[in-house]
Structures are given as C-alpha cells and as structure tokens.
Amino acid sequence: VYSYSGDAMRDLDPYVPFSKSLRRWVESFGRLNIDYSG
C-alpha cells in the first residue's frame, strides 16, 4: 500500500487535518440537506 499511495496521501495530509473533520461533516451534510430528525 505504501508503494502506490504513500506520497499522494502525505501530500494531501496538510489539507485534511483531523481537527477540521467535525466542521467538514457538519457543513457537507448540511449542504446535502441531510436532516437527523431530532
């Protein structure tokens, strides 16, 4: 897996910090109009 994906995923890493994951979920699901019905 490292042989074919290591460099590409490391280059992506600064753009997808885990700290922002919750915000990305809230924003992305919100724009998809996904409603959790309370």
PDB file of all heavy atoms in Angstrom:
ATOM      1  N   VAL A   1       0.838  -1.207   0.000  1.00  0.00           N
ATOM      2  CA  VAL A   1       0.000   0.000   0.000  1.00  0.00           C
ATOM      3  C   VAL A   1       0.871   1.255   0.000  1.00  0.00           C
ATOM      4  O   VAL A   1       0.596   2.220  -0.715  1.00  0.00           O
ATOM      5  CB  VAL A   1      -0.958  -0.004   1.203  1.00  0.00           C
ATOM      6  CG1 VAL A   1      -1.820   1.251   1.197  1.00  0.00           C
ATOM      7  CG2 VAL A   1      -1.850  -1.237   1.171  1.00  0.00           C
ATOM      8  N   TYR A   2       1.953   1.231   0.773  1.00  0.00           N
ATOM      9  CA  TYR A   2       2.872   2.369   0.807  1.00  0.00           C
ATOM     10  C   TYR A   2       3.459   2.629  -0.577  1.00  0.00           C
ATOM     11  O   TYR A   2       3.621   3.784  -0.987  1.00  0.00           O
ATOM     12  CB  TYR A   2       3.994   2.084   1.808  1.00  0.00           C
ATOM     13  CG  TYR A   2       5.066   3.160   1.853  1.00  0.00           C
ATOM     14  CD1 TYR A   2       4.895   4.287   2.644  1.00  0.00           C
ATOM     15  CD2 TYR A   2       6.228   3.034   1.104  1.00  0.00           C
ATOM     16  CE1 TYR A   2       5.862   5.281   2.695  1.00  0.00           C
ATOM     17  CE2 TYR A   2       7.205   4.025   1.139  1.00  0.00           C
ATOM     18  CZ  TYR A   2       7.019   5.140   1.929  1.00  0.00           C
ATOM     19  OH  TYR A   2       7.973   6.117   1.976  1.00  0.00           O
ATOM     20  N   SER A   3       3.750   1.563  -1.312  1.00  0.00           N
ATOM     21  CA  SER A   3       4.405   1.696  -2.618  1.00  0.00           C
ATOM     22  C   SER A   3       3.572   2.474  -3.610  1.00  0.00           C
ATOM     23  O   SER A   3       4.102   3.177  -4.467  1.00  0.00           O
ATOM     24  CB  SER A   3       4.715   0.306  -3.197  1.00  0.00           C
ATOM     25  OG  SER A   3       5.646  -0.371  -2.391  1.00  0.00           O
ATOM     26  N   TYR A   4       2.260   2.364  -3.507  1.00  0.00           N
ATOM     27  CA  TYR A   4       1.448   3.063  -4.502  1.00  0.00           C
ATOM     28  C   TYR A   4       0.683   4.262  -3.949  1.00  0.00           C
ATOM     29  O   TYR A   4       0.148   5.053  -4.727  1.00  0.00           O
ATOM     30  CB  TYR A   4       0.484   2.100  -5.213  1.00  0.00           C
ATOM     31  CG  TYR A   4      -0.734   1.642  -4.438  1.00  0.00           C
ATOM     32  CD1 TYR A   4      -1.853   2.449  -4.304  1.00  0.00           C
ATOM     33  CD2 TYR A   4      -0.800   0.364  -3.887  1.00  0.00           C
ATOM     34  CE1 TYR A   4      -2.985   2.023  -3.622  1.00  0.00           C
ATOM     35  CE2 TYR A   4      -1.921  -0.076  -3.207  1.00  0.00           C
ATOM     36  CZ  TYR A   4      -3.007   0.757  -3.068  1.00  0.00           C
ATOM     37  OH  TYR A   4      -4.114   0.328  -2.388  1.00  0.00           O
ATOM     38  N   SER A   5       0.638   4.447  -2.621  1.00  0.00           N
ATOM     39  CA  SER A   5      -0.184   5.551  -2.117  1.00  0.00           C
ATOM     40  C   SER A   5       0.538   6.479  -1.157  1.00  0.00           C
ATOM     41  O   SER A   5      -0.004   7.525  -0.814  1.00  0.00           O
ATOM     42  CB  SER A   5      -1.421   4.999  -1.412  1.00  0.00           C
ATOM     43  OG  SER A   5      -1.058   4.303  -0.231  1.00  0.00           O
ATOM     44  N   GLY A   6       1.729   6.110  -0.707  1.00  0.00           N
ATOM     45  CA  GLY A   6       2.386   6.880   0.337  1.00  0.00           C
ATOM     46  C   GLY A   6       2.527   8.360   0.028  1.00  0.00           C
ATOM     47  O   GLY A   6       2.083   9.209   0.797  1.00  0.00           O
ATOM     48  N   ASP A   7       3.161   8.698  -1.097  1.00  0.00           N
ATOM     49  CA  ASP A   7       3.444  10.100  -1.414  1.00  0.00           C
ATOM     50  C   ASP A   7       2.167  10.917  -1.604  1.00  0.00           C
ATOM     51  O   ASP A   7       2.049  12.023  -1.084  1.00  0.00           O
ATOM     52  CB  ASP A   7       4.301  10.193  -2.678  1.00  0.00           C
ATOM     53  CG  ASP A   7       5.706   9.645  -2.447  1.00  0.00           C
ATOM     54  OD1 ASP A   7       6.104   9.557  -1.271  1.00  0.00           O
ATOM     55  OD2 ASP A   7       6.379   9.307  -3.434  1.00  0.00           O
ATOM     56  N   ALA A   8       1.211  10.376  -2.344  1.00  0.00           N
ATOM     57  CA  ALA A   8      -0.010  11.125  -2.655  1.00  0.00           C
ATOM     58  C   ALA A   8      -0.792  11.445  -1.386  1.00  0.00           C
ATOM     59  O   ALA A   8      -1.258  12.572  -1.201  1.00  0.00           O
ATOM     60  CB  ALA A   8      -0.884  10.328  -3.624  1.00  0.00           C
ATOM     61  N   MET A   9      -0.919  10.466  -0.494  1.00  0.00           N
ATOM     62  CA  MET A   9      -1.686  10.709   0.714  1.00  0.00           C
ATOM     63  C   MET A   9      -0.949  11.655   1.663  1.00  0.00           C
ATOM     64  O   MET A   9      -1.576  12.445   2.369  1.00  0.00           O
ATOM     65  CB  MET A   9      -2.001   9.380   1.414  1.00  0.00           C
ATOM     66  CG  MET A   9      -2.914   8.460   0.609  1.00  0.00           C
ATOM     67  SD  MET A   9      -4.392   9.286  -0.082  1.00  0.00           S
ATOM     68  CE  MET A   9      -5.298   9.656   1.414  1.00  0.00           C
ATOM     69  N   ARG A  10       0.373  11.600   1.676  1.00  0.00           N
ATOM     70  CA  ARG A  10       1.127  12.538   2.506  1.00  0.00           C
ATOM     71  C   ARG A  10       0.982  13.968   1.971  1.00  0.00           C
ATOM     72  O   ARG A  10       0.907  14.924   2.743  1.00  0.00           O
ATOM     73  CB  ARG A  10       2.598  12.135   2.572  1.00  0.00           C
ATOM     74  CG  ARG A  10       2.895  11.110   3.661  1.00  0.00           C
ATOM     75  CD  ARG A  10       4.394  11.007   3.925  1.00  0.00           C
ATOM     76  NE  ARG A  10       5.132  10.622   2.728  1.00  0.00           N
ATOM     77  CZ  ARG A  10       5.253   9.369   2.310  1.00  0.00           C
ATOM     78  NH1 ARG A  10       4.679   8.397   2.981  1.00  0.00           N
ATOM     79  NH2 ARG A  10       5.936   9.087   1.223  1.00  0.00           N
ATOM     80  N   ASP A  11       0.937  14.121   0.657  1.00  0.00           N
ATOM     81  CA  ASP A  11       0.754  15.450   0.071  1.00  0.00           C
ATOM     82  C   ASP A  11      -0.638  16.011   0.385  1.00  0.00           C
ATOM     83  O   ASP A  11      -0.811  17.230   0.506  1.00  0.00           O
ATOM     84  CB  ASP A  11       0.956  15.389  -1.449  1.00  0.00           C
ATOM     85  CG  ASP A  11       2.416  15.143  -1.829  1.00  0.00           C
ATOM     86  OD1 ASP A  11       3.292  15.351  -0.963  1.00  0.00           O
ATOM     87  OD2 ASP A  11       2.658  14.717  -2.975  1.00  0.00           O
ATOM     88  N   LEU A  12      -1.620  15.127   0.517  1.00  0.00           N
ATOM     89  CA  LEU A  12      -2.975  15.564   0.844  1.00  0.00           C
ATOM     90  C   LEU A  12      -3.086  15.968   2.316  1.00  0.00           C
ATOM     91  O   LEU A  12      -3.923  16.811   2.681  1.00  0.00           O
ATOM     92  CB  LEU A  12      -3.968  14.429   0.539  1.00  0.00           C
ATOM     93  CG  LEU A  12      -5.438  14.672   0.911  1.00  0.00           C
ATOM     94  CD1 LEU A  12      -6.045  15.782   0.036  1.00  0.00           C
ATOM     95  CD2 LEU A  12      -6.267  13.389   0.775  1.00  0.00           C
ATOM     96  N   ASP A  13      -2.254  15.389   3.151  1.00  0.00           N
ATOM     97  CA  ASP A  13      -2.401  15.492   4.608  1.00  0.00           C
ATOM     98  C   ASP A  13      -2.593  16.916   5.126  1.00  0.00           C
ATOM     99  O   ASP A  13      -3.478  17.149   5.958  1.00  0.00           O
ATOM    100  CB  ASP A  13      -1.196  14.831   5.293  1.00  0.00           C
ATOM    101  CG  ASP A  13      -1.522  14.365   6.699  1.00  0.00           C
ATOM    102  OD1 ASP A  13      -2.430  13.523   6.845  1.00  0.00           O
ATOM    103  OD2 ASP A  13      -0.881  14.857   7.640  1.00  0.00           O
ATOM    104  N   PRO A  14      -1.806  17.927   4.683  1.00  0.00           N
ATOM    105  CA  PRO A  14      -1.996  19.287   5.230  1.00  0.00           C
ATOM    106  C   PRO A  14      -3.369  19.884   4.919  1.00  0.00           C
ATOM    107  O   PRO A  14      -3.792  20.839   5.577  1.00  0.00           O
ATOM    108  CB  PRO A  14      -0.889  20.097   4.540  1.00  0.00           C
ATOM    109  CG  PRO A  14       0.098  19.095   4.046  1.00  0.00           C
ATOM    110  CD  PRO A  14      -0.689  17.877   3.720  1.00  0.00           C
ATOM    111  N   TYR A  15      -4.059  19.329   3.937  1.00  0.00           N
ATOM    112  CA  TYR A  15      -5.352  19.886   3.512  1.00  0.00           C
ATOM    113  C   TYR A  15      -6.538  19.215   4.224  1.00  0.00           C
ATOM    114  O   TYR A  15      -7.665  19.693   4.108  1.00  0.00           O
ATOM    115  CB  TYR A  15      -5.515  19.733   1.994  1.00  0.00           C
ATOM    116  CG  TYR A  15      -4.458  20.491   1.222  1.00  0.00           C
ATOM    117  CD1 TYR A  15      -3.256  19.883   0.857  1.00  0.00           C
ATOM    118  CD2 TYR A  15      -4.649  21.834   0.899  1.00  0.00           C
ATOM    119  CE1 TYR A  15      -2.276  20.583   0.169  1.00  0.00           C
ATOM    120  CE2 TYR A  15      -3.673  22.543   0.207  1.00  0.00           C
ATOM    121  CZ  TYR A  15      -2.487  21.912  -0.145  1.00  0.00           C
ATOM    122  OH  TYR A  15      -1.520  22.610  -0.820  1.00  0.00           O
ATOM    123  N   VAL A  16      -6.265  18.133   4.941  1.00  0.00           N
ATOM    124  CA  VAL A  16      -7.358  17.436   5.632  1.00  0.00           C
ATOM    125  C   VAL A  16      -6.969  17.144   7.086  1.00  0.00           C
ATOM    126  O   VAL A  16      -6.948  15.989   7.516  1.00  0.00           O
ATOM    127  CB  VAL A  16      -7.759  16.122   4.906  1.00  0.00           C
ATOM    128  CG1 VAL A  16      -8.567  16.408   3.669  1.00  0.00           C
ATOM    129  CG2 VAL A  16      -6.518  15.291   4.556  1.00  0.00           C
ATOM    130  N   PRO A  17      -6.664  18.178   7.868  1.00  0.00           N
ATOM    131  CA  PRO A  17      -6.341  17.946   9.279  1.00  0.00           C
ATOM    132  C   PRO A  17      -7.553  17.389  10.015  1.00  0.00           C
ATOM    133  O   PRO A  17      -8.690  17.797   9.752  1.00  0.00           O
ATOM    134  CB  PRO A  17      -5.978  19.345   9.795  1.00  0.00           C
ATOM    135  CG  PRO A  17      -6.722  20.282   8.890  1.00  0.00           C
ATOM    136  CD  PRO A  17      -6.716  19.614   7.541  1.00  0.00           C
ATOM    137  N   PHE A  18      -7.293  16.451  10.919  1.00  0.00           N
ATOM    138  CA  PHE A  18      -8.424  15.842  11.616  1.00  0.00           C
ATOM    139  C   PHE A  18      -9.210  16.855  12.437  1.00  0.00           C
ATOM    140  O   PHE A  18     -10.421  16.718  12.624  1.00  0.00           O
ATOM    141  CB  PHE A  18      -7.948  14.693  12.518  1.00  0.00           C
ATOM    142  CG  PHE A  18      -9.091  14.013  13.219  1.00  0.00           C
ATOM    143  CD1 PHE A  18      -9.938  13.171  12.528  1.00  0.00           C
ATOM    144  CD2 PHE A  18      -9.344  14.272  14.561  1.00  0.00           C
ATOM    145  CE1 PHE A  18     -11.020  12.581  13.156  1.00  0.00           C
ATOM    146  CE2 PHE A  18     -10.419  13.678  15.203  1.00  0.00           C
ATOM    147  CZ  PHE A  18     -11.256  12.821  14.497  1.00  0.00           C
ATOM    148  N   SER A  19      -8.530  17.897  12.905  1.00  0.00           N
ATOM    149  CA  SER A  19      -9.212  18.907  13.722  1.00  0.00           C
ATOM    150  C   SER A  19     -10.409  19.521  12.991  1.00  0.00           C
ATOM    151  O   SER A  19     -11.384  19.943  13.622  1.00  0.00           O
ATOM    152  CB  SER A  19      -8.236  20.010  14.130  1.00  0.00           C
ATOM    153  OG  SER A  19      -7.710  20.660  12.983  1.00  0.00           O
ATOM    154  N   LYS A  20     -10.337  19.560  11.640  1.00  0.00           N
ATOM    155  CA  LYS A  20     -11.419  20.165  10.846  1.00  0.00           C
ATOM    156  C   LYS A  20     -12.489  19.151  10.434  1.00  0.00           C
ATOM    157  O   LYS A  20     -13.463  19.515   9.771  1.00  0.00           O
ATOM    158  CB  LYS A  20     -10.834  20.810   9.585  1.00  0.00           C
ATOM    159  CG  LYS A  20      -9.854  21.953   9.848  1.00  0.00           C
ATOM    160  CD  LYS A  20     -10.562  23.171  10.390  1.00  0.00           C
ATOM    161  CE  LYS A  20      -9.593  24.342  10.549  1.00  0.00           C
ATOM    162  NZ  LYS A  20     -10.254  25.521  11.141  1.00  0.00           N
ATOM    163  N   SER A  21     -12.302  17.896  10.801  1.00  0.00           N
ATOM    164  CA  SER A  21     -13.208  16.855  10.291  1.00  0.00           C
ATOM    165  C   SER A  21     -14.644  17.061  10.752  1.00  0.00           C
ATOM    166  O   SER A  21     -15.592  16.871   9.979  1.00  0.00           O
ATOM    167  CB  SER A  21     -12.714  15.471  10.717  1.00  0.00           C
ATOM    168  OG  SER A  21     -12.684  15.360  12.132  1.00  0.00           O
ATOM    169  N   LEU A  22     -14.832  17.452  11.998  1.00  0.00           N
ATOM    170  CA  LEU A  22     -16.186  17.662  12.516  1.00  0.00           C
ATOM    171  C   LEU A  22     -16.872  18.785  11.751  1.00  0.00           C
ATOM    172  O   LEU A  22     -18.041  18.673  11.350  1.00  0.00           O
ATOM    173  CB  LEU A  22     -16.115  17.983  14.008  1.00  0.00           C
ATOM    174  CG  LEU A  22     -17.450  18.007  14.757  1.00  0.00           C
ATOM    175  CD1 LEU A  22     -18.060  16.626  14.821  1.00  0.00           C
ATOM    176  CD2 LEU A  22     -17.255  18.556  16.178  1.00  0.00           C
ATOM    177  N   ARG A  23     -16.139  19.884  11.500  1.00  0.00           N
ATOM    178  CA  ARG A  23     -16.695  21.015  10.750  1.00  0.00           C
ATOM    179  C   ARG A  23     -17.036  20.596   9.322  1.00  0.00           C
ATOM    180  O   ARG A  23     -18.083  20.982   8.781  1.00  0.00           O
ATOM    181  CB  ARG A  23     -15.700  22.173  10.753  1.00  0.00           C
ATOM    182  CG  ARG A  23     -16.240  23.480  10.208  1.00  0.00           C
ATOM    183  CD  ARG A  23     -15.204  24.588  10.248  1.00  0.00           C
ATOM    184  NE  ARG A  23     -14.728  24.877  11.590  1.00  0.00           N
ATOM    185  CZ  ARG A  23     -15.349  25.682  12.445  1.00  0.00           C
ATOM    186  NH1 ARG A  23     -16.476  26.279  12.086  1.00  0.00           N
ATOM    187  NH2 ARG A  23     -14.836  25.902  13.648  1.00  0.00           N
ATOM    188  N   ARG A  24     -16.162  19.818   8.691  1.00  0.00           N
ATOM    189  CA  ARG A  24     -16.419  19.381   7.311  1.00  0.00           C
ATOM    190  C   ARG A  24     -17.677  18.519   7.240  1.00  0.00           C
ATOM    191  O   ARG A  24     -18.448  18.601   6.285  1.00  0.00           O
ATOM    192  CB  ARG A  24     -15.220  18.600   6.777  1.00  0.00           C
ATOM    193  CG  ARG A  24     -13.909  19.378   6.763  1.00  0.00           C
ATOM    194  CD  ARG A  24     -13.957  20.599   5.851  1.00  0.00           C
ATOM    195  NE  ARG A  24     -12.725  21.352   5.900  1.00  0.00           N
ATOM    196  CZ  ARG A  24     -12.613  22.603   6.349  1.00  0.00           C
ATOM    197  NH1 ARG A  24     -13.676  23.255   6.796  1.00  0.00           N
ATOM    198  NH2 ARG A  24     -11.443  23.219   6.347  1.00  0.00           N
ATOM    199  N   TRP A  25     -17.858  17.667   8.253  1.00  0.00           N
ATOM    200  CA  TRP A  25     -19.056  16.816   8.296  1.00  0.00           C
ATOM    201  C   TRP A  25     -20.317  17.667   8.450  1.00  0.00           C
ATOM    202  O   TRP A  25     -21.289  17.485   7.702  1.00  0.00           O
ATOM    203  CB  TRP A  25     -18.918  15.822   9.449  1.00  0.00           C
ATOM    204  CG  TRP A  25     -20.169  15.070   9.771  1.00  0.00           C
ATOM    205  CD1 TRP A  25     -20.846  14.212   8.946  1.00  0.00           C
ATOM    206  CD2 TRP A  25     -20.912  15.110  10.994  1.00  0.00           C
ATOM    207  NE1 TRP A  25     -21.955  13.713   9.599  1.00  0.00           N
ATOM    208  CE2 TRP A  25     -22.009  14.248  10.854  1.00  0.00           C
ATOM    209  CE3 TRP A  25     -20.721  15.786  12.197  1.00  0.00           C
ATOM    210  CZ2 TRP A  25     -22.940  14.044  11.880  1.00  0.00           C
ATOM    211  CZ3 TRP A  25     -21.648  15.578  13.226  1.00  0.00           C
ATOM    212  CH2 TRP A  25     -22.733  14.725  13.063  1.00  0.00           C
ATOM    213  N   VAL A  26     -20.302  18.590   9.399  1.00  0.00           N
ATOM    214  CA  VAL A  26     -21.467  19.451   9.634  1.00  0.00           C
ATOM    215  C   VAL A  26     -21.808  20.252   8.382  1.00  0.00           C
ATOM    216  O   VAL A  26     -22.977  20.342   7.969  1.00  0.00           O
ATOM    217  CB  VAL A  26     -21.207  20.401  10.834  1.00  0.00           C
ATOM    218  CG1 VAL A  26     -22.283  21.484  10.909  1.00  0.00           C
ATOM    219  CG2 VAL A  26     -21.159  19.616  12.143  1.00  0.00           C
ATOM    220  N   GLU A  27     -20.780  20.830   7.750  1.00  0.00           N
ATOM    221  CA  GLU A  27     -21.019  21.668   6.573  1.00  0.00           C
ATOM    222  C   GLU A  27     -21.471  20.838   5.371  1.00  0.00           C
ATOM    223  O   GLU A  27     -22.426  21.200   4.672  1.00  0.00           O
ATOM    224  CB  GLU A  27     -19.737  22.419   6.221  1.00  0.00           C
ATOM    225  CG  GLU A  27     -19.340  23.472   7.244  1.00  0.00           C
ATOM    226  CD  GLU A  27     -17.983  24.103   6.946  1.00  0.00           C
ATOM    227  OE1 GLU A  27     -17.239  23.564   6.086  1.00  0.00           O
ATOM    228  OE2 GLU A  27     -17.665  25.130   7.574  1.00  0.00           O
ATOM    229  N   SER A  28     -20.789  19.742   5.121  1.00  0.00           N
ATOM    230  CA  SER A  28     -21.067  18.939   3.930  1.00  0.00           C
ATOM    231  C   SER A  28     -22.438  18.268   4.022  1.00  0.00           C
ATOM    232  O   SER A  28     -23.239  18.331   3.079  1.00  0.00           O
ATOM    233  CB  SER A  28     -19.972  17.890   3.749  1.00  0.00           C
ATOM    234  OG  SER A  28     -20.102  17.223   2.515  1.00  0.00           O
ATOM    235  N   PHE A  29     -22.731  17.648   5.163  1.00  0.00           N
ATOM    236  CA  PHE A  29     -24.038  17.017   5.333  1.00  0.00           C
ATOM    237  C   PHE A  29     -25.144  18.067   5.354  1.00  0.00           C
ATOM    238  O   PHE A  29     -26.250  17.832   4.852  1.00  0.00           O
ATOM    239  CB  PHE A  29     -24.064  16.173   6.614  1.00  0.00           C
ATOM    240  CG  PHE A  29     -23.536  14.779   6.447  1.00  0.00           C
ATOM    241  CD1 PHE A  29     -22.367  14.524   5.736  1.00  0.00           C
ATOM    242  CD2 PHE A  29     -24.201  13.695   7.001  1.00  0.00           C
ATOM    243  CE1 PHE A  29     -21.868  13.240   5.585  1.00  0.00           C
ATOM    244  CE2 PHE A  29     -23.717  12.399   6.855  1.00  0.00           C
ATOM    245  CZ  PHE A  29     -22.548  12.169   6.149  1.00  0.00           C
ATOM    246  N   GLY A  30     -24.841  19.247   5.944  1.00  0.00           N
ATOM    247  CA  GLY A  30     -25.838  20.318   5.965  1.00  0.00           C
ATOM    248  C   GLY A  30     -26.188  20.782   4.564  1.00  0.00           C
ATOM    249  O   GLY A  30     -27.355  21.019   4.241  1.00  0.00           O
ATOM    250  N   ARG A  31     -25.186  20.912   3.697  1.00  0.00           N
ATOM    251  CA  ARG A  31     -25.452  21.358   2.322  1.00  0.00           C
ATOM    252  C   ARG A  31     -26.135  20.268   1.486  1.00  0.00           C
ATOM    253  O   ARG A  31     -26.817  20.577   0.511  1.00  0.00           O
ATOM    254  CB  ARG A  31     -24.153  21.803   1.659  1.00  0.00           C
ATOM    255  CG  ARG A  31     -23.608  23.103   2.252  1.00  0.00           C
ATOM    256  CD  ARG A  31     -22.455  23.665   1.455  1.00  0.00           C
ATOM    257  NE  ARG A  31     -22.051  24.968   1.966  1.00  0.00           N
ATOM    258  CZ  ARG A  31     -20.913  25.211   2.607  1.00  0.00           C
ATOM    259  NH1 ARG A  31     -20.038  24.219   2.804  1.00  0.00           N
ATOM    260  NH2 ARG A  31     -20.629  26.416   3.045  1.00  0.00           N
ATOM    261  N   LEU A  32     -25.934  19.004   1.877  1.00  0.00           N
ATOM    262  CA  LEU A  32     -26.668  17.921   1.215  1.00  0.00           C
ATOM    263  C   LEU A  32     -28.112  17.858   1.702  1.00  0.00           C
ATOM    264  O   LEU A  32     -28.910  17.075   1.187  1.00  0.00           O
ATOM    265  CB  LEU A  32     -25.992  16.568   1.490  1.00  0.00           C
ATOM    266  CG  LEU A  32     -24.663  16.299   0.782  1.00  0.00           C
ATOM    267  CD1 LEU A  32     -23.988  15.074   1.386  1.00  0.00           C
ATOM    268  CD2 LEU A  32     -24.860  16.112  -0.716  1.00  0.00           C
ATOM    269  N   ASN A  33     -28.438  18.678   2.710  1.00  0.00           N
ATOM    270  CA  ASN A  33     -29.786  18.738   3.264  1.00  0.00           C
ATOM    271  C   ASN A  33     -30.149  17.427   3.974  1.00  0.00           C
ATOM    272  O   ASN A  33     -31.287  16.957   3.894  1.00  0.00           O
ATOM    273  CB  ASN A  33     -30.806  19.053   2.157  1.00  0.00           C
ATOM    274  CG  ASN A  33     -31.999  19.819   2.678  1.00  0.00           C
ATOM    275  OD1 ASN A  33     -32.045  20.197   3.850  1.00  0.00           O
ATOM    276  ND2 ASN A  33     -32.986  20.023   1.828  1.00  0.00           N
ATOM    277  N   ILE A  34     -29.153  16.833   4.644  1.00  0.00           N
ATOM    278  CA  ILE A  34     -29.400  15.632   5.445  1.00  0.00           C
ATOM    279  C   ILE A  34     -29.889  16.075   6.820  1.00  0.00           C
ATOM    280  O   ILE A  34     -29.220  16.824   7.519  1.00  0.00           O
ATOM    281  CB  ILE A  34     -28.129  14.769   5.560  1.00  0.00           C
ATOM    282  CG1 ILE A  34     -27.822  14.137   4.191  1.00  0.00           C
ATOM    283  CG2 ILE A  34     -28.280  13.697   6.626  1.00  0.00           C
ATOM    284  CD1 ILE A  34     -26.521  13.358   4.141  1.00  0.00           C
ATOM    285  N   ASP A  35     -31.065  15.608   7.191  1.00  0.00           N
ATOM    286  CA  ASP A  35     -31.741  16.011   8.422  1.00  0.00           C
ATOM    287  C   ASP A  35     -31.803  14.804   9.354  1.00  0.00           C
ATOM    288  O   ASP A  35     -32.279  13.741   8.965  1.00  0.00           O
ATOM    289  CB  ASP A  35     -33.146  16.513   8.076  1.00  0.00           C
ATOM    290  CG  ASP A  35     -33.875  17.117   9.254  1.00  0.00           C
ATOM    291  OD1 ASP A  35     -33.981  16.446  10.304  1.00  0.00           O
ATOM    292  OD2 ASP A  35     -34.377  18.242   9.135  1.00  0.00           O
ATOM    293  N   TYR A  36     -31.347  14.972  10.603  1.00  0.00           N
ATOM    294  CA  TYR A  36     -31.316  13.853  11.554  1.00  0.00           C
ATOM    295  C   TYR A  36     -32.605  13.726  12.384  1.00  0.00           C
ATOM    296  O   TYR A  36     -32.657  12.948  13.336  1.00  0.00           O
ATOM    297  CB  TYR A  36     -30.103  13.978  12.475  1.00  0.00           C
ATOM    298  CG  TYR A  36     -28.817  13.527  11.816  1.00  0.00           C
ATOM    299  CD1 TYR A  36     -28.076  14.405  11.024  1.00  0.00           C
ATOM    300  CD2 TYR A  36     -28.344  12.237  11.960  1.00  0.00           C
ATOM    301  CE1 TYR A  36     -26.894  14.007  10.415  1.00  0.00           C
ATOM    302  CE2 TYR A  36     -27.167  11.819  11.356  1.00  0.00           C
ATOM    303  CZ  TYR A  36     -26.446  12.707  10.580  1.00  0.00           C
ATOM    304  OH  TYR A  36     -25.285  12.299   9.969  1.00  0.00           O
ATOM    305  N   SER A  37     -33.619  14.486  12.026  1.00  0.00           N
ATOM    306  CA  SER A  37     -34.961  14.323  12.607  1.00  0.00           C
ATOM    307  C   SER A  37     -34.973  14.371  14.136  1.00  0.00           C
ATOM    308  O   SER A  37     -35.663  13.588  14.799  1.00  0.00           O
ATOM    309  CB  SER A  37     -35.597  13.009  12.122  1.00  0.00           C
ATOM    310  OG  SER A  37     -35.780  13.025  10.731  1.00  0.00           O
ATOM    311  N   GLY A  38     -34.176  15.294  14.695  1.00  0.00           N
ATOM    312  CA  GLY A  38     -34.200  15.486  16.140  1.00  0.00           C
ATOM    313  C   GLY A  38     -33.398  14.490  16.940  1.00  0.00           C
ATOM    314  O   GLY A  38     -33.515  14.435  18.172  1.00  0.00           O
TER     315      GLY A  38
END
